Amino acid sequence: MSKALGAQVKLPIEIETPDIRLGFDIAGKDGSLSSGTVVEVPGGVKIAFQGAIERRGLDIPTVLQFIVDASVTIEFSLFAAWLYDKTKSRSVSKMRIGRKEITEITPEKIKQTLEEEIEING
């Protein structure tokens, strides 16, 4: 059973990837993506694209930055499964949720990290 939380929490998520298109897949609207774009995703979550940090050099991944607005009751399992599904077939070196870094990206790890970070920040 998934835990849910009703408190308002804004949690940063960073995804390191050489695949800039992943940002469009997560928060693109009508074929475009710009800082401040907000979309509703499974689990009762709103996710806002904050921008991307692009580094020059070979094999240096872009860092896609998002804010998860958990101001409504969210279903951790649904959101974690959705986020995993978006990243599983992509080259993602790591994901940071709040202050915790995930290098072994699985739905369970994402869910666990979300729960821990929201509990700390809520």
N, C-alpha and C. Protein backbone atom coordinates (compact mmCIF):
# COMPACT_ATOMS: atom_id res chain seq x y z
N MET A 1 0.84 -1.18 0.00
CA MET A 1 0.00 0.00 0.00
C MET A 1 0.89 1.24 0.00
N SER A 2 0.52 2.22 -0.77
CA SER A 2 1.29 3.44 -0.89
C SER A 2 0.92 4.43 0.20
N LYS A 3 1.93 5.08 0.75
CA LYS A 3 1.68 6.14 1.71
C LYS A 3 1.35 7.40 0.94
N ALA A 4 0.59 8.27 1.55
CA ALA A 4 0.28 9.55 0.93
C ALA A 4 0.48 10.63 1.98
N LEU A 5 0.67 11.85 1.51
CA LEU A 5 0.95 12.96 2.40
C LEU A 5 0.13 14.14 1.95
N GLY A 6 -0.45 14.90 2.89
CA GLY A 6 -1.27 16.03 2.53
C GLY A 6 -0.59 17.37 2.72
N ALA A 7 0.58 17.44 3.31
CA ALA A 7 1.27 18.71 3.55
C ALA A 7 1.86 19.27 2.27
N GLN A 8 2.05 20.59 2.25
CA GLN A 8 2.65 21.22 1.07
C GLN A 8 4.16 21.14 1.13
N VAL A 9 4.73 20.51 0.12
CA VAL A 9 6.19 20.36 0.03
C VAL A 9 6.60 20.56 -1.42
N LYS A 10 7.64 21.34 -1.62
CA LYS A 10 8.23 21.49 -2.96
C LYS A 10 9.60 20.84 -2.90
N LEU A 11 9.79 19.83 -3.70
CA LEU A 11 10.99 19.01 -3.63
C LEU A 11 11.74 19.05 -4.96
N PRO A 12 13.02 19.43 -4.94
CA PRO A 12 13.78 19.46 -6.18
C PRO A 12 14.19 18.06 -6.64
N ILE A 13 14.15 17.86 -7.94
CA ILE A 13 14.65 16.62 -8.56
C ILE A 13 15.60 17.03 -9.67
N GLU A 14 16.79 16.42 -9.66
CA GLU A 14 17.76 16.63 -10.73
C GLU A 14 18.07 15.29 -11.38
N ILE A 15 18.12 15.30 -12.71
CA ILE A 15 18.41 14.08 -13.46
C ILE A 15 19.60 14.36 -14.37
N GLU A 16 20.68 13.60 -14.18
CA GLU A 16 21.86 13.74 -15.04
C GLU A 16 21.74 12.79 -16.21
N THR A 17 21.77 13.37 -17.43
CA THR A 17 21.62 12.57 -18.64
C THR A 17 22.19 13.31 -19.83
N PRO A 18 22.75 12.59 -20.80
CA PRO A 18 23.16 13.25 -22.03
C PRO A 18 21.96 13.45 -22.98
N ASP A 19 20.80 12.92 -22.60
CA ASP A 19 19.60 12.94 -23.44
C ASP A 19 18.69 14.10 -23.05
N ILE A 20 18.90 15.27 -23.65
CA ILE A 20 18.12 16.46 -23.34
C ILE A 20 16.64 16.28 -23.65
N ARG A 21 16.30 15.35 -24.55
CA ARG A 21 14.89 15.08 -24.88
C ARG A 21 14.12 14.52 -23.70
N LEU A 22 14.81 13.98 -22.72
CA LEU A 22 14.12 13.47 -21.55
C LEU A 22 13.32 14.57 -20.86
N GLY A 23 13.84 15.78 -20.85
CA GLY A 23 13.11 16.91 -20.27
C GLY A 23 11.76 17.12 -20.94
N PHE A 24 11.73 16.98 -22.28
CA PHE A 24 10.48 17.12 -23.03
C PHE A 24 9.51 15.99 -22.66
N ASP A 25 10.03 14.79 -22.50
CA ASP A 25 9.18 13.65 -22.16
C ASP A 25 8.58 13.78 -20.77
N ILE A 26 9.29 14.42 -19.86
CA ILE A 26 8.80 14.57 -18.49
C ILE A 26 7.86 15.76 -18.35
N ALA A 27 8.24 16.92 -18.91
CA ALA A 27 7.47 18.14 -18.65
C ALA A 27 7.15 18.95 -19.90
N GLY A 28 7.32 18.37 -21.07
CA GLY A 28 7.02 19.12 -22.28
C GLY A 28 5.52 19.31 -22.46
N LYS A 29 5.15 20.48 -22.99
CA LYS A 29 3.75 20.81 -23.24
C LYS A 29 3.62 21.31 -24.67
N ASP A 30 2.76 20.67 -25.44
CA ASP A 30 2.51 21.10 -26.81
C ASP A 30 3.79 21.21 -27.64
N GLY A 31 4.70 20.27 -27.44
CA GLY A 31 5.93 20.24 -28.22
C GLY A 31 6.99 21.25 -27.81
N SER A 32 6.77 21.92 -26.68
CA SER A 32 7.79 22.88 -26.22
C SER A 32 8.10 22.65 -24.75
N LEU A 33 9.23 23.19 -24.34
CA LEU A 33 9.66 23.08 -22.95
C LEU A 33 10.40 24.34 -22.58
N SER A 34 9.95 24.99 -21.53
CA SER A 34 10.65 26.19 -21.07
C SER A 34 10.61 26.23 -19.55
N SER A 35 11.53 26.96 -18.98
CA SER A 35 11.60 27.08 -17.53
C SER A 35 10.27 27.61 -17.01
N GLY A 36 9.76 26.94 -15.98
CA GLY A 36 8.49 27.33 -15.40
C GLY A 36 7.31 26.51 -15.89
N THR A 37 7.51 25.68 -16.92
CA THR A 37 6.44 24.83 -17.43
C THR A 37 6.02 23.85 -16.34
N VAL A 38 4.72 23.78 -16.06
CA VAL A 38 4.19 22.90 -15.03
C VAL A 38 3.23 21.92 -15.69
N VAL A 39 3.38 20.63 -15.37
CA VAL A 39 2.46 19.61 -15.87
C VAL A 39 2.01 18.74 -14.71
N GLU A 40 0.80 18.22 -14.83
CA GLU A 40 0.30 17.26 -13.85
C GLU A 40 0.65 15.87 -14.34
N VAL A 41 1.15 15.05 -13.41
CA VAL A 41 1.59 13.71 -13.76
C VAL A 41 0.94 12.71 -12.80
N PRO A 42 1.00 11.42 -13.11
CA PRO A 42 0.37 10.42 -12.24
C PRO A 42 0.83 10.51 -10.78
N GLY A 43 -0.09 10.18 -9.90
CA GLY A 43 0.20 10.19 -8.47
C GLY A 43 -0.28 11.45 -7.78
N GLY A 44 -0.98 12.33 -8.51
CA GLY A 44 -1.45 13.57 -7.91
C GLY A 44 -0.34 14.59 -7.74
N VAL A 45 0.62 14.59 -8.66
CA VAL A 45 1.81 15.44 -8.56
C VAL A 45 1.82 16.47 -9.68
N LYS A 46 2.27 17.67 -9.34
CA LYS A 46 2.59 18.67 -10.36
C LYS A 46 4.11 18.76 -10.39
N ILE A 47 4.66 18.73 -11.61
CA ILE A 47 6.10 18.82 -11.74
C ILE A 47 6.42 20.01 -12.65
N ALA A 48 7.35 20.84 -12.19
CA ALA A 48 7.72 22.05 -12.93
C ALA A 48 9.15 21.92 -13.43
N PHE A 49 9.35 22.23 -14.70
CA PHE A 49 10.69 22.24 -15.27
C PHE A 49 11.36 23.54 -14.87
N GLN A 50 12.54 23.46 -14.27
CA GLN A 50 13.26 24.63 -13.81
C GLN A 50 14.35 25.06 -14.78
N GLY A 51 14.82 24.13 -15.58
CA GLY A 51 15.88 24.44 -16.53
C GLY A 51 16.86 23.29 -16.63
N ALA A 52 17.94 23.54 -17.36
CA ALA A 52 18.96 22.52 -17.56
C ALA A 52 20.33 23.17 -17.43
N ILE A 53 21.22 22.47 -16.78
CA ILE A 53 22.61 22.90 -16.69
C ILE A 53 23.38 22.08 -17.71
N GLU A 54 23.85 22.75 -18.74
CA GLU A 54 24.61 22.07 -19.78
C GLU A 54 26.08 22.38 -19.58
N ARG A 55 26.89 21.35 -19.56
CA ARG A 55 28.33 21.51 -19.39
C ARG A 55 29.02 21.18 -20.69
N ARG A 56 30.02 21.93 -21.00
CA ARG A 56 30.76 21.69 -22.25
C ARG A 56 31.82 20.61 -22.01
N GLY A 57 31.97 19.75 -22.98
CA GLY A 57 32.98 18.70 -22.89
C GLY A 57 32.39 17.37 -23.30
N LEU A 58 33.28 16.46 -23.61
CA LEU A 58 32.85 15.14 -24.01
C LEU A 58 32.29 14.35 -22.83
N ASP A 59 31.23 13.67 -23.08
CA ASP A 59 30.63 12.75 -22.11
C ASP A 59 30.27 13.39 -20.77
N ILE A 60 30.00 14.69 -20.76
CA ILE A 60 29.55 15.34 -19.53
C ILE A 60 28.04 15.52 -19.66
N PRO A 61 27.26 14.87 -18.78
CA PRO A 61 25.81 14.91 -18.93
C PRO A 61 25.19 16.27 -18.58
N THR A 62 24.05 16.52 -19.14
CA THR A 62 23.23 17.68 -18.80
C THR A 62 22.48 17.36 -17.52
N VAL A 63 22.26 18.36 -16.68
CA VAL A 63 21.48 18.17 -15.46
C VAL A 63 20.12 18.83 -15.68
N LEU A 64 19.07 18.02 -15.76
CA LEU A 64 17.71 18.53 -15.90
C LEU A 64 17.17 18.80 -14.50
N GLN A 65 16.59 19.98 -14.30
CA GLN A 65 16.13 20.37 -12.97
C GLN A 65 14.61 20.53 -12.96
N PHE A 66 13.98 19.90 -11.98
CA PHE A 66 12.53 19.95 -11.81
C PHE A 66 12.20 20.25 -10.35
N ILE A 67 10.98 20.73 -10.13
CA ILE A 67 10.45 20.87 -8.78
C ILE A 67 9.16 20.07 -8.73
N VAL A 68 9.06 19.17 -7.76
CA VAL A 68 7.83 18.41 -7.54
C VAL A 68 7.02 19.16 -6.51
N ASP A 69 5.80 19.50 -6.87
CA ASP A 69 4.89 20.19 -5.95
C ASP A 69 3.97 19.13 -5.36
N ALA A 70 4.24 18.81 -4.13
CA ALA A 70 3.44 17.80 -3.44
C ALA A 70 2.48 18.49 -2.48
N SER A 71 1.85 19.57 -2.97
CA SER A 71 0.93 20.32 -2.12
C SER A 71 -0.42 19.63 -2.00
N VAL A 72 -0.64 18.63 -2.82
CA VAL A 72 -1.85 17.82 -2.70
C VAL A 72 -1.41 16.44 -2.25
N THR A 73 -2.35 15.63 -1.86
CA THR A 73 -2.01 14.26 -1.45
C THR A 73 -1.46 13.52 -2.65
N ILE A 74 -0.25 12.98 -2.50
CA ILE A 74 0.35 12.26 -3.62
C ILE A 74 0.42 10.77 -3.33
N GLU A 75 0.41 10.00 -4.37
CA GLU A 75 0.60 8.56 -4.29
C GLU A 75 2.03 8.28 -4.73
N PHE A 76 2.88 8.00 -3.77
CA PHE A 76 4.30 7.79 -4.05
C PHE A 76 4.54 6.70 -5.07
N SER A 77 3.84 5.59 -4.96
CA SER A 77 4.06 4.46 -5.87
C SER A 77 3.74 4.82 -7.31
N LEU A 78 2.63 5.52 -7.54
CA LEU A 78 2.25 5.91 -8.90
C LEU A 78 3.26 6.87 -9.50
N PHE A 79 3.65 7.89 -8.74
CA PHE A 79 4.61 8.86 -9.25
C PHE A 79 5.97 8.22 -9.49
N ALA A 80 6.43 7.38 -8.56
CA ALA A 80 7.73 6.71 -8.70
C ALA A 80 7.74 5.81 -9.94
N ALA A 81 6.66 5.06 -10.16
CA ALA A 81 6.57 4.19 -11.33
C ALA A 81 6.57 5.01 -12.62
N TRP A 82 5.86 6.14 -12.62
CA TRP A 82 5.81 7.01 -13.80
C TRP A 82 7.20 7.58 -14.11
N LEU A 83 7.88 8.10 -13.07
CA LEU A 83 9.20 8.69 -13.27
C LEU A 83 10.20 7.63 -13.73
N TYR A 84 10.13 6.45 -13.14
CA TYR A 84 11.01 5.36 -13.56
C TYR A 84 10.75 5.00 -15.02
N ASP A 85 9.48 4.91 -15.40
CA ASP A 85 9.13 4.58 -16.77
C ASP A 85 9.69 5.60 -17.76
N LYS A 86 9.72 6.87 -17.38
CA LYS A 86 10.26 7.92 -18.24
C LYS A 86 11.78 7.82 -18.40
N THR A 87 12.45 7.29 -17.38
CA THR A 87 13.92 7.27 -17.40
C THR A 87 14.54 5.91 -17.71
N LYS A 88 13.78 4.83 -17.61
CA LYS A 88 14.37 3.48 -17.67
C LYS A 88 15.08 3.15 -18.97
N SER A 89 14.61 3.66 -20.09
CA SER A 89 15.26 3.32 -21.36
C SER A 89 16.21 4.43 -21.82
N ARG A 90 16.50 5.35 -20.93
CA ARG A 90 17.37 6.47 -21.26
C ARG A 90 18.71 6.32 -20.55
N SER A 91 19.68 7.02 -21.03
CA SER A 91 20.99 7.03 -20.40
C SER A 91 20.96 8.06 -19.26
N VAL A 92 20.65 7.58 -18.07
CA VAL A 92 20.61 8.45 -16.89
C VAL A 92 21.70 7.97 -15.94
N SER A 93 22.65 8.86 -15.65
CA SER A 93 23.75 8.44 -14.78
C SER A 93 23.38 8.50 -13.30
N LYS A 94 22.58 9.51 -12.94
CA LYS A 94 22.09 9.56 -11.56
C LYS A 94 20.93 10.52 -11.46
N MET A 95 20.22 10.39 -10.35
CA MET A 95 19.07 11.23 -10.07
C MET A 95 19.23 11.71 -8.63
N ARG A 96 18.89 12.96 -8.41
CA ARG A 96 18.93 13.51 -7.05
C ARG A 96 17.52 13.97 -6.72
N ILE A 97 17.01 13.47 -5.59
CA ILE A 97 15.70 13.89 -5.09
C ILE A 97 15.96 14.56 -3.75
N GLY A 98 15.66 15.84 -3.68
CA GLY A 98 16.02 16.59 -2.48
C GLY A 98 17.53 16.57 -2.33
N ARG A 99 18.00 16.07 -1.21
CA ARG A 99 19.44 15.99 -0.95
C ARG A 99 20.02 14.60 -1.19
N LYS A 100 19.16 13.64 -1.54
CA LYS A 100 19.62 12.27 -1.71
C LYS A 100 19.87 11.93 -3.17
N GLU A 101 21.00 11.30 -3.41
CA GLU A 101 21.39 10.89 -4.74
C GLU A 101 21.05 9.42 -4.95
N ILE A 102 20.48 9.12 -6.12
CA ILE A 102 20.15 7.74 -6.48
C ILE A 102 21.00 7.37 -7.69
N THR A 103 21.79 6.32 -7.55
CA THR A 103 22.57 5.84 -8.69
C THR A 103 21.99 4.54 -9.23
N GLU A 104 21.32 3.79 -8.36
CA GLU A 104 20.61 2.57 -8.79
C GLU A 104 19.14 2.95 -8.92
N ILE A 105 18.75 3.31 -10.13
CA ILE A 105 17.42 3.89 -10.34
C ILE A 105 16.40 2.77 -10.58
N THR A 106 15.53 2.59 -9.57
CA THR A 106 14.44 1.62 -9.63
C THR A 106 13.19 2.31 -9.09
N PRO A 107 11.99 1.79 -9.40
CA PRO A 107 10.78 2.39 -8.84
C PRO A 107 10.80 2.39 -7.31
N GLU A 108 11.33 1.32 -6.73
CA GLU A 108 11.37 1.20 -5.27
C GLU A 108 12.30 2.25 -4.66
N LYS A 109 13.46 2.46 -5.27
CA LYS A 109 14.43 3.45 -4.77
C LYS A 109 13.86 4.87 -4.88
N ILE A 110 13.19 5.15 -6.01
CA ILE A 110 12.58 6.47 -6.19
C ILE A 110 11.51 6.69 -5.13
N LYS A 111 10.65 5.71 -4.94
CA LYS A 111 9.56 5.80 -3.94
C LYS A 111 10.13 6.00 -2.54
N GLN A 112 11.11 5.19 -2.18
CA GLN A 112 11.72 5.28 -0.86
C GLN A 112 12.35 6.66 -0.63
N THR A 113 13.07 7.14 -1.63
CA THR A 113 13.73 8.44 -1.51
C THR A 113 12.71 9.56 -1.42
N LEU A 114 11.66 9.51 -2.22
CA LEU A 114 10.59 10.52 -2.13
C LEU A 114 9.99 10.55 -0.73
N GLU A 115 9.64 9.38 -0.22
CA GLU A 115 9.04 9.30 1.12
C GLU A 115 9.97 9.88 2.18
N GLU A 116 11.25 9.51 2.12
CA GLU A 116 12.21 10.00 3.10
C GLU A 116 12.40 11.51 3.01
N GLU A 117 12.55 12.02 1.79
CA GLU A 117 12.78 13.46 1.61
C GLU A 117 11.56 14.29 1.97
N ILE A 118 10.38 13.81 1.64
CA ILE A 118 9.17 14.56 1.99
C ILE A 118 8.94 14.53 3.48
N GLU A 119 9.26 13.40 4.13
CA GLU A 119 9.13 13.33 5.58
C GLU A 119 10.08 14.31 6.26
N ILE A 120 11.31 14.41 5.74
CA ILE A 120 12.31 15.34 6.28
C ILE A 120 11.89 16.78 6.06
N ASN A 121 11.41 17.08 4.85
CA ASN A 121 11.08 18.46 4.47
C ASN A 121 9.66 18.88 4.79
N GLY A 122 8.81 17.91 5.14
CA GLY A 122 7.40 18.21 5.39
C GLY A 122 7.20 18.64 6.75
